[in-house]
Amino acid sequence: MSARPIKRSLTLRGHRTSVSLEDDFWRAFREIAEEKSLAINELAAQIDANRDMETGLATAIRLYVLDHYKRRASQASL
């Protein structure tokens, strides 16, 4: 497990960008995209389109991953 963020490349609406994410967040992000049958760039574009512009993309992805698993945990406890 890498505790340090690693720079990863993404393409959002035809433009290359990069985000720095820890390995665990990157793996979870990829798993969520796979669950939703989306390419990772598509999911990143959705998150980008819905984020507060004061929130960086890497932070928005981390918050999305956290929210995804929090919702899953609350559904499992019902």
N, C-alpha and C. Protein backbone atom coordinates (compact mmCIF):
# COMPACT_ATOMS: atom_id res chain seq x y z
N MET A 1 0.84 -1.18 0.00
CA MET A 1 0.00 0.00 0.00
C MET A 1 0.89 1.24 0.00
N SER A 2 0.57 2.15 -0.88
CA SER A 2 1.31 3.41 -0.93
C SER A 2 0.51 4.48 -0.20
N ALA A 3 1.09 5.03 0.85
CA ALA A 3 0.41 6.10 1.59
C ALA A 3 0.59 7.45 0.90
N ARG A 4 1.57 7.52 0.01
CA ARG A 4 1.83 8.78 -0.69
C ARG A 4 1.02 8.80 -1.98
N PRO A 5 0.44 9.94 -2.30
CA PRO A 5 -0.30 10.05 -3.57
C PRO A 5 0.63 9.86 -4.76
N ILE A 6 0.11 9.23 -5.79
CA ILE A 6 0.83 9.01 -7.04
C ILE A 6 0.05 9.73 -8.14
N LYS A 7 0.77 10.44 -8.99
CA LYS A 7 0.13 11.17 -10.08
C LYS A 7 -0.38 10.20 -11.13
N ARG A 8 -1.66 10.32 -11.49
CA ARG A 8 -2.31 9.46 -12.48
C ARG A 8 -2.88 10.35 -13.59
N SER A 9 -2.84 9.87 -14.81
CA SER A 9 -3.36 10.64 -15.94
C SER A 9 -4.79 10.23 -16.27
N LEU A 10 -5.59 11.23 -16.60
CA LEU A 10 -6.98 11.03 -17.02
C LEU A 10 -7.25 11.92 -18.22
N THR A 11 -8.27 11.57 -18.97
CA THR A 11 -8.73 12.42 -20.06
C THR A 11 -10.18 12.79 -19.78
N LEU A 12 -10.43 14.08 -19.62
CA LEU A 12 -11.78 14.58 -19.35
C LEU A 12 -12.25 15.43 -20.51
N ARG A 13 -13.28 14.96 -21.16
CA ARG A 13 -13.85 15.67 -22.31
C ARG A 13 -12.78 16.08 -23.32
N GLY A 14 -11.88 15.13 -23.62
CA GLY A 14 -10.85 15.35 -24.63
C GLY A 14 -9.61 16.06 -24.16
N HIS A 15 -9.55 16.44 -22.89
CA HIS A 15 -8.38 17.14 -22.35
C HIS A 15 -7.67 16.27 -21.32
N ARG A 16 -6.35 16.17 -21.45
CA ARG A 16 -5.55 15.41 -20.50
C ARG A 16 -5.38 16.21 -19.22
N THR A 17 -5.48 15.49 -18.11
CA THR A 17 -5.23 16.09 -16.81
C THR A 17 -4.64 15.01 -15.93
N SER A 18 -4.21 15.38 -14.77
CA SER A 18 -3.69 14.38 -13.84
C SER A 18 -4.23 14.66 -12.44
N VAL A 19 -4.32 13.60 -11.67
CA VAL A 19 -4.73 13.68 -10.28
C VAL A 19 -3.73 12.88 -9.46
N SER A 20 -3.50 13.31 -8.26
CA SER A 20 -2.62 12.58 -7.35
C SER A 20 -3.49 11.86 -6.33
N LEU A 21 -3.49 10.53 -6.41
CA LEU A 21 -4.29 9.71 -5.50
C LEU A 21 -3.44 8.60 -4.91
N GLU A 22 -3.74 8.23 -3.69
CA GLU A 22 -3.11 7.09 -3.05
C GLU A 22 -3.59 5.81 -3.76
N ASP A 23 -2.78 4.76 -3.69
CA ASP A 23 -3.12 3.50 -4.35
C ASP A 23 -4.49 2.98 -3.94
N ASP A 24 -4.81 3.02 -2.65
CA ASP A 24 -6.10 2.49 -2.20
C ASP A 24 -7.27 3.26 -2.81
N PHE A 25 -7.17 4.57 -2.87
CA PHE A 25 -8.25 5.36 -3.50
C PHE A 25 -8.32 5.07 -4.99
N TRP A 26 -7.18 4.94 -5.65
CA TRP A 26 -7.18 4.66 -7.08
C TRP A 26 -7.83 3.30 -7.37
N ARG A 27 -7.46 2.29 -6.59
CA ARG A 27 -8.05 0.96 -6.78
C ARG A 27 -9.55 1.00 -6.54
N ALA A 28 -9.99 1.66 -5.49
CA ALA A 28 -11.42 1.76 -5.20
C ALA A 28 -12.15 2.51 -6.31
N PHE A 29 -11.54 3.57 -6.80
CA PHE A 29 -12.12 4.36 -7.89
C PHE A 29 -12.30 3.48 -9.14
N ARG A 30 -11.29 2.69 -9.46
CA ARG A 30 -11.36 1.79 -10.62
C ARG A 30 -12.45 0.73 -10.41
N GLU A 31 -12.55 0.20 -9.19
CA GLU A 31 -13.57 -0.81 -8.88
C GLU A 31 -14.98 -0.24 -9.04
N ILE A 32 -15.17 0.98 -8.59
CA ILE A 32 -16.49 1.63 -8.71
C ILE A 32 -16.83 1.83 -10.19
N ALA A 33 -15.87 2.30 -10.96
CA ALA A 33 -16.10 2.49 -12.40
C ALA A 33 -16.49 1.17 -13.04
N GLU A 34 -15.79 0.11 -12.67
CA GLU A 34 -16.10 -1.22 -13.22
C GLU A 34 -17.50 -1.66 -12.82
N GLU A 35 -17.88 -1.48 -11.54
CA GLU A 35 -19.22 -1.83 -11.07
C GLU A 35 -20.30 -1.11 -11.88
N LYS A 36 -20.02 0.13 -12.24
CA LYS A 36 -20.99 0.95 -12.97
C LYS A 36 -20.86 0.77 -14.49
N SER A 37 -19.98 -0.12 -14.92
CA SER A 37 -19.73 -0.36 -16.34
C SER A 37 -19.35 0.93 -17.08
N LEU A 38 -18.49 1.71 -16.43
CA LEU A 38 -18.00 2.96 -17.01
C LEU A 38 -16.49 2.89 -17.15
N ALA A 39 -15.98 3.55 -18.18
CA ALA A 39 -14.54 3.75 -18.26
C ALA A 39 -14.16 4.71 -17.14
N ILE A 40 -12.97 4.57 -16.63
CA ILE A 40 -12.54 5.42 -15.53
C ILE A 40 -12.58 6.91 -15.91
N ASN A 41 -12.28 7.21 -17.17
CA ASN A 41 -12.35 8.60 -17.63
C ASN A 41 -13.79 9.12 -17.63
N GLU A 42 -14.76 8.24 -17.93
CA GLU A 42 -16.17 8.66 -17.90
C GLU A 42 -16.61 8.98 -16.48
N LEU A 43 -16.25 8.12 -15.53
CA LEU A 43 -16.62 8.38 -14.14
C LEU A 43 -15.93 9.64 -13.64
N ALA A 44 -14.68 9.82 -13.99
CA ALA A 44 -13.95 11.03 -13.58
C ALA A 44 -14.63 12.27 -14.16
N ALA A 45 -15.10 12.20 -15.40
CA ALA A 45 -15.78 13.34 -16.03
C ALA A 45 -17.09 13.64 -15.31
N GLN A 46 -17.81 12.60 -14.88
CA GLN A 46 -19.06 12.82 -14.13
C GLN A 46 -18.77 13.51 -12.80
N ILE A 47 -17.76 13.03 -12.11
CA ILE A 47 -17.38 13.63 -10.82
C ILE A 47 -16.94 15.07 -11.04
N ASP A 48 -16.15 15.30 -12.08
CA ASP A 48 -15.68 16.65 -12.39
C ASP A 48 -16.84 17.59 -12.67
N ALA A 49 -17.82 17.12 -13.42
CA ALA A 49 -18.96 17.96 -13.78
C ALA A 49 -19.83 18.32 -12.57
N ASN A 50 -19.82 17.46 -11.55
CA ASN A 50 -20.68 17.67 -10.39
C ASN A 50 -19.97 18.27 -9.18
N ARG A 51 -18.67 18.48 -9.28
CA ARG A 51 -17.94 18.97 -8.10
C ARG A 51 -18.05 20.48 -7.97
N ASP A 52 -17.89 20.93 -6.75
CA ASP A 52 -17.77 22.35 -6.45
C ASP A 52 -16.42 22.79 -7.02
N MET A 53 -16.38 23.84 -7.79
CA MET A 53 -15.13 24.26 -8.45
C MET A 53 -14.05 24.68 -7.47
N GLU A 54 -14.38 24.85 -6.21
CA GLU A 54 -13.36 25.14 -5.21
C GLU A 54 -12.71 23.87 -4.68
N THR A 55 -13.29 22.73 -5.05
CA THR A 55 -12.76 21.43 -4.63
C THR A 55 -11.94 20.86 -5.77
N GLY A 56 -10.71 20.48 -5.49
CA GLY A 56 -9.86 19.88 -6.52
C GLY A 56 -10.40 18.54 -6.96
N LEU A 57 -10.04 18.13 -8.16
CA LEU A 57 -10.55 16.88 -8.71
C LEU A 57 -10.12 15.67 -7.87
N ALA A 58 -8.89 15.63 -7.42
CA ALA A 58 -8.45 14.49 -6.59
C ALA A 58 -9.26 14.40 -5.30
N THR A 59 -9.52 15.53 -4.68
CA THR A 59 -10.34 15.55 -3.47
C THR A 59 -11.76 15.11 -3.79
N ALA A 60 -12.30 15.58 -4.89
CA ALA A 60 -13.66 15.19 -5.29
C ALA A 60 -13.74 13.68 -5.52
N ILE A 61 -12.71 13.09 -6.11
CA ILE A 61 -12.70 11.64 -6.32
C ILE A 61 -12.64 10.91 -4.98
N ARG A 62 -11.78 11.37 -4.07
CA ARG A 62 -11.70 10.74 -2.74
C ARG A 62 -13.05 10.81 -2.03
N LEU A 63 -13.71 11.97 -2.08
CA LEU A 63 -15.00 12.12 -1.44
C LEU A 63 -16.06 11.23 -2.09
N TYR A 64 -15.99 11.09 -3.41
CA TYR A 64 -16.92 10.22 -4.13
C TYR A 64 -16.74 8.77 -3.69
N VAL A 65 -15.48 8.32 -3.62
CA VAL A 65 -15.18 6.95 -3.18
C VAL A 65 -15.69 6.74 -1.75
N LEU A 66 -15.40 7.66 -0.87
CA LEU A 66 -15.84 7.57 0.52
C LEU A 66 -17.36 7.48 0.59
N ASP A 67 -18.05 8.36 -0.12
CA ASP A 67 -19.51 8.37 -0.12
C ASP A 67 -20.07 7.05 -0.67
N HIS A 68 -19.46 6.54 -1.72
CA HIS A 68 -19.92 5.27 -2.32
C HIS A 68 -19.90 4.15 -1.29
N TYR A 69 -18.80 4.03 -0.56
CA TYR A 69 -18.68 2.95 0.41
C TYR A 69 -19.48 3.21 1.68
N LYS A 70 -19.68 4.46 2.04
CA LYS A 70 -20.56 4.77 3.18
C LYS A 70 -22.00 4.37 2.85
N ARG A 71 -22.46 4.69 1.62
CA ARG A 71 -23.81 4.31 1.22
C ARG A 71 -23.96 2.80 1.18
N ARG A 72 -22.95 2.11 0.68
CA ARG A 72 -22.99 0.65 0.63
C ARG A 72 -23.08 0.07 2.03
N ALA A 73 -22.30 0.60 2.97
CA ALA A 73 -22.31 0.11 4.34
C ALA A 73 -23.66 0.35 5.00
N SER A 74 -24.26 1.51 4.76
CA SER A 74 -25.56 1.79 5.38
C SER A 74 -26.65 0.91 4.80
N GLN A 75 -26.57 0.59 3.49
CA GLN A 75 -27.54 -0.31 2.87
C GLN A 75 -27.38 -1.73 3.40
N ALA A 76 -26.16 -2.13 3.66
CA ALA A 76 -25.90 -3.48 4.17
C ALA A 76 -26.42 -3.64 5.59
N SER A 77 -26.49 -2.54 6.34
CA SER A 77 -26.93 -2.63 7.74
C SER A 77 -28.45 -2.58 7.89
N LEU A 78 -29.16 -2.37 6.79
CA LEU A 78 -30.63 -2.32 6.85
C LEU A 78 -31.23 -3.68 6.99
